[in-house]
């Protein structure tokens, strides 16, 4: 998780990673994919399925980080509500 300032307002970024950081995905705190990086060695024209799996893993990891942070922040307000 990266925290910074943008136009005087704070923002949070979450970075999801595939194994060996072959693919990384960066999400804003409102679940928007804002960056996707793929290392050149992750690209094998004979194994596109592996690259697809790495992208999916990085995106899922980033989304999980956003969701976990949201639950942690909202948890104190939603306890006992069955949400």
N, C-alpha and C. Protein backbone atom coordinates (compact mmCIF):
# COMPACT_ATOMS: atom_id res chain seq x y z
N UNK A 1 0.85 -1.17 0.00
CA UNK A 1 0.00 0.00 0.00
C UNK A 1 0.89 1.23 0.00
N UNK A 2 0.60 2.17 -0.89
CA UNK A 2 1.32 3.43 -0.97
C UNK A 2 0.36 4.55 -0.59
N UNK A 3 0.82 5.47 0.23
CA UNK A 3 0.00 6.59 0.66
C UNK A 3 0.72 7.88 0.26
N UNK A 4 -0.01 8.82 -0.31
CA UNK A 4 0.61 10.07 -0.72
C UNK A 4 -0.40 11.19 -0.77
N UNK A 5 0.02 12.32 -1.32
CA UNK A 5 -0.85 13.47 -1.47
C UNK A 5 -1.03 13.79 -2.95
N UNK A 6 -2.24 14.15 -3.30
CA UNK A 6 -2.55 14.52 -4.68
C UNK A 6 -3.45 15.74 -4.60
N UNK A 7 -2.95 16.87 -5.03
CA UNK A 7 -3.75 18.09 -4.99
C UNK A 7 -4.21 18.44 -3.58
N UNK A 8 -3.35 18.18 -2.59
CA UNK A 8 -3.70 18.49 -1.22
C UNK A 8 -4.57 17.45 -0.55
N UNK A 9 -4.99 16.45 -1.30
CA UNK A 9 -5.81 15.38 -0.72
C UNK A 9 -4.99 14.10 -0.67
N UNK A 10 -5.21 13.32 0.37
CA UNK A 10 -4.47 12.07 0.47
C UNK A 10 -5.09 11.02 -0.45
N UNK A 11 -4.28 10.11 -0.93
CA UNK A 11 -4.76 9.00 -1.74
C UNK A 11 -3.97 7.76 -1.35
N UNK A 12 -4.53 6.63 -1.67
CA UNK A 12 -3.91 5.36 -1.35
C UNK A 12 -3.83 4.53 -2.62
N UNK A 13 -2.71 3.90 -2.84
CA UNK A 13 -2.54 2.98 -3.96
C UNK A 13 -2.17 1.61 -3.41
N UNK A 14 -2.67 0.58 -4.05
CA UNK A 14 -2.40 -0.79 -3.66
C UNK A 14 -1.74 -1.49 -4.84
N UNK A 15 -0.64 -2.19 -4.56
CA UNK A 15 0.11 -2.87 -5.62
C UNK A 15 -0.04 -4.37 -5.45
N UNK A 16 -0.66 -5.00 -6.44
CA UNK A 16 -0.79 -6.46 -6.47
C UNK A 16 0.36 -7.05 -7.25
N UNK A 17 0.80 -8.22 -6.83
CA UNK A 17 1.96 -8.83 -7.47
C UNK A 17 1.71 -10.29 -7.80
N UNK A 18 2.19 -10.70 -8.96
CA UNK A 18 2.20 -12.10 -9.34
C UNK A 18 3.50 -12.70 -8.79
N UNK A 19 3.62 -14.04 -8.80
CA UNK A 19 4.85 -14.66 -8.32
C UNK A 19 6.09 -14.05 -9.01
N UNK A 20 7.13 -13.87 -8.22
CA UNK A 20 8.41 -13.30 -8.68
C UNK A 20 8.26 -11.89 -9.24
N UNK A 21 7.16 -11.21 -8.91
CA UNK A 21 6.89 -9.84 -9.38
C UNK A 21 6.96 -9.73 -10.90
N UNK A 22 6.63 -10.81 -11.59
CA UNK A 22 6.67 -10.80 -13.05
C UNK A 22 5.64 -9.83 -13.62
N UNK A 23 4.52 -9.69 -12.92
CA UNK A 23 3.47 -8.74 -13.30
C UNK A 23 3.04 -8.02 -12.03
N UNK A 24 2.90 -6.69 -12.11
CA UNK A 24 2.37 -5.93 -10.98
C UNK A 24 1.19 -5.09 -11.46
N UNK A 25 0.20 -4.97 -10.60
CA UNK A 25 -0.97 -4.15 -10.90
C UNK A 25 -1.13 -3.14 -9.78
N UNK A 26 -1.44 -1.91 -10.14
CA UNK A 26 -1.64 -0.86 -9.15
C UNK A 26 -3.08 -0.39 -9.21
N UNK A 27 -3.71 -0.37 -8.03
CA UNK A 27 -5.11 0.04 -7.92
C UNK A 27 -5.21 1.27 -7.04
N UNK A 28 -6.17 2.13 -7.35
CA UNK A 28 -6.50 3.23 -6.46
C UNK A 28 -7.40 2.68 -5.37
N UNK A 29 -7.61 3.47 -4.33
CA UNK A 29 -8.44 3.03 -3.22
C UNK A 29 -9.89 2.80 -3.59
N UNK A 30 -10.31 3.28 -4.76
CA UNK A 30 -11.68 3.06 -5.20
C UNK A 30 -11.78 1.97 -6.27
N UNK A 31 -10.84 1.03 -6.20
CA UNK A 31 -10.85 -0.17 -7.06
C UNK A 31 -10.62 0.09 -8.54
N UNK A 32 -9.94 1.17 -8.88
CA UNK A 32 -9.65 1.44 -10.28
C UNK A 32 -8.23 0.97 -10.60
N UNK A 33 -8.10 0.18 -11.64
CA UNK A 33 -6.77 -0.25 -12.09
C UNK A 33 -6.11 0.96 -12.74
N UNK A 34 -4.97 1.39 -12.19
CA UNK A 34 -4.32 2.59 -12.72
C UNK A 34 -2.97 2.30 -13.37
N UNK A 35 -2.44 1.09 -13.17
CA UNK A 35 -1.18 0.75 -13.80
C UNK A 35 -1.03 -0.77 -13.85
N UNK A 36 -0.43 -1.26 -14.91
CA UNK A 36 -0.14 -2.68 -15.06
C UNK A 36 1.23 -2.79 -15.70
N UNK A 37 2.16 -3.46 -15.02
CA UNK A 37 3.51 -3.61 -15.54
C UNK A 37 3.82 -5.09 -15.72
N UNK A 38 4.43 -5.40 -16.85
CA UNK A 38 4.79 -6.78 -17.18
C UNK A 38 6.28 -6.79 -17.51
N UNK A 39 7.03 -7.61 -16.77
CA UNK A 39 8.46 -7.73 -17.05
C UNK A 39 8.64 -8.44 -18.40
N UNK A 40 9.63 -8.01 -19.19
CA UNK A 40 9.85 -8.64 -20.49
C UNK A 40 10.04 -10.15 -20.42
N UNK A 41 10.70 -10.62 -19.36
CA UNK A 41 10.94 -12.07 -19.27
C UNK A 41 9.67 -12.86 -18.99
N UNK A 42 8.56 -12.17 -18.68
CA UNK A 42 7.29 -12.85 -18.47
C UNK A 42 6.60 -13.16 -19.79
N UNK A 43 7.08 -12.56 -20.87
CA UNK A 43 6.44 -12.72 -22.17
C UNK A 43 7.13 -13.82 -22.96
N UNK A 44 6.45 -14.93 -23.10
CA UNK A 44 6.93 -16.05 -23.90
C UNK A 44 5.86 -16.32 -24.96
N UNK A 45 6.14 -16.03 -26.22
CA UNK A 45 5.13 -16.20 -27.26
C UNK A 45 4.58 -17.63 -27.35
N UNK A 46 5.36 -18.59 -26.85
CA UNK A 46 4.91 -19.98 -26.90
C UNK A 46 4.10 -20.37 -25.67
N UNK A 47 3.95 -19.46 -24.71
CA UNK A 47 3.21 -19.78 -23.48
C UNK A 47 2.38 -18.57 -23.02
N UNK A 48 1.44 -18.17 -23.85
CA UNK A 48 0.57 -17.04 -23.54
C UNK A 48 -0.28 -17.34 -22.30
N UNK A 49 -0.63 -18.60 -22.10
CA UNK A 49 -1.44 -18.97 -20.93
C UNK A 49 -0.75 -18.57 -19.62
N UNK A 50 0.57 -18.73 -19.56
CA UNK A 50 1.29 -18.37 -18.34
C UNK A 50 1.19 -16.87 -18.09
N UNK A 51 1.35 -16.07 -19.14
CA UNK A 51 1.25 -14.62 -19.00
C UNK A 51 -0.15 -14.22 -18.53
N UNK A 52 -1.16 -14.84 -19.10
CA UNK A 52 -2.54 -14.56 -18.67
C UNK A 52 -2.72 -14.89 -17.20
N UNK A 53 -2.19 -16.01 -16.77
CA UNK A 53 -2.29 -16.40 -15.35
C UNK A 53 -1.57 -15.41 -14.44
N UNK A 54 -0.42 -14.91 -14.87
CA UNK A 54 0.33 -13.93 -14.08
C UNK A 54 -0.45 -12.62 -13.96
N UNK A 55 -1.06 -12.17 -15.06
CA UNK A 55 -1.85 -10.94 -15.02
C UNK A 55 -3.04 -11.11 -14.09
N UNK A 56 -3.73 -12.23 -14.19
CA UNK A 56 -4.87 -12.49 -13.32
C UNK A 56 -4.43 -12.52 -11.85
N UNK A 57 -3.31 -13.16 -11.56
CA UNK A 57 -2.81 -13.24 -10.18
C UNK A 57 -2.51 -11.85 -9.63
N UNK A 58 -1.87 -11.00 -10.43
CA UNK A 58 -1.52 -9.66 -9.97
C UNK A 58 -2.78 -8.81 -9.75
N UNK A 59 -3.75 -8.92 -10.64
CA UNK A 59 -4.98 -8.15 -10.50
C UNK A 59 -5.77 -8.62 -9.28
N UNK A 60 -5.88 -9.92 -9.11
CA UNK A 60 -6.60 -10.45 -7.94
C UNK A 60 -5.93 -10.01 -6.64
N UNK A 61 -4.60 -10.02 -6.60
CA UNK A 61 -3.88 -9.62 -5.40
C UNK A 61 -4.12 -8.14 -5.09
N UNK A 62 -4.09 -7.30 -6.10
CA UNK A 62 -4.34 -5.87 -5.90
C UNK A 62 -5.76 -5.61 -5.42
N UNK A 63 -6.73 -6.28 -6.03
CA UNK A 63 -8.13 -6.10 -5.62
C UNK A 63 -8.35 -6.60 -4.19
N UNK A 64 -7.68 -7.69 -3.82
CA UNK A 64 -7.81 -8.20 -2.46
C UNK A 64 -7.27 -7.20 -1.46
N UNK A 65 -6.15 -6.56 -1.79
CA UNK A 65 -5.59 -5.55 -0.89
C UNK A 65 -6.55 -4.38 -0.69
N UNK A 66 -7.18 -3.92 -1.77
CA UNK A 66 -8.15 -2.83 -1.66
C UNK A 66 -9.33 -3.27 -0.80
N UNK A 67 -9.86 -4.46 -1.07
CA UNK A 67 -11.01 -4.96 -0.31
C UNK A 67 -10.68 -5.16 1.16
N UNK A 68 -9.50 -5.72 1.45
CA UNK A 68 -9.09 -5.93 2.84
C UNK A 68 -8.97 -4.60 3.58
N UNK A 69 -8.38 -3.60 2.92
CA UNK A 69 -8.23 -2.29 3.56
C UNK A 69 -9.59 -1.64 3.79
N UNK A 70 -10.50 -1.81 2.84
CA UNK A 70 -11.85 -1.26 2.98
C UNK A 70 -12.57 -1.92 4.14
N UNK A 71 -12.48 -3.24 4.23
CA UNK A 71 -13.13 -3.96 5.32
C UNK A 71 -12.54 -3.55 6.67
N UNK A 72 -11.24 -3.40 6.71
CA UNK A 72 -10.59 -3.01 7.96
C UNK A 72 -11.03 -1.61 8.39
N UNK A 73 -11.12 -0.71 7.43
CA UNK A 73 -11.50 0.66 7.75
C UNK A 73 -12.99 0.76 8.12
N UNK A 74 -13.83 0.02 7.41
CA UNK A 74 -15.26 0.09 7.66
C UNK A 74 -15.71 -0.85 8.76
N UNK A 75 -14.87 -1.82 9.11
CA UNK A 75 -15.24 -2.82 10.09
C UNK A 75 -15.72 -2.24 11.40
N UNK A 76 -15.08 -1.19 11.85
CA UNK A 76 -15.47 -0.60 13.12
C UNK A 76 -16.87 0.02 13.06
N UNK A 77 -17.33 0.35 11.85
CA UNK A 77 -18.65 0.95 11.70
C UNK A 77 -19.74 -0.09 11.43
N UNK A 78 -19.33 -1.24 10.90
CA UNK A 78 -20.33 -2.23 10.49
C UNK A 78 -20.41 -3.43 11.41
N UNK A 79 -19.66 -3.44 12.51
CA UNK A 79 -19.70 -4.58 13.44
C UNK A 79 -21.13 -4.79 13.93
N UNK A 80 -21.54 -6.03 13.92
CA UNK A 80 -22.86 -6.38 14.41
C UNK A 80 -23.98 -6.13 13.43
N UNK A 81 -23.67 -5.65 12.23
CA UNK A 81 -24.71 -5.38 11.26
C UNK A 81 -24.95 -6.55 10.31
N UNK A 82 -24.12 -7.58 10.39
CA UNK A 82 -24.28 -8.75 9.54
C UNK A 82 -23.89 -8.49 8.10
N UNK A 83 -23.01 -7.53 7.86
CA UNK A 83 -22.58 -7.24 6.49
C UNK A 83 -21.32 -7.97 6.13
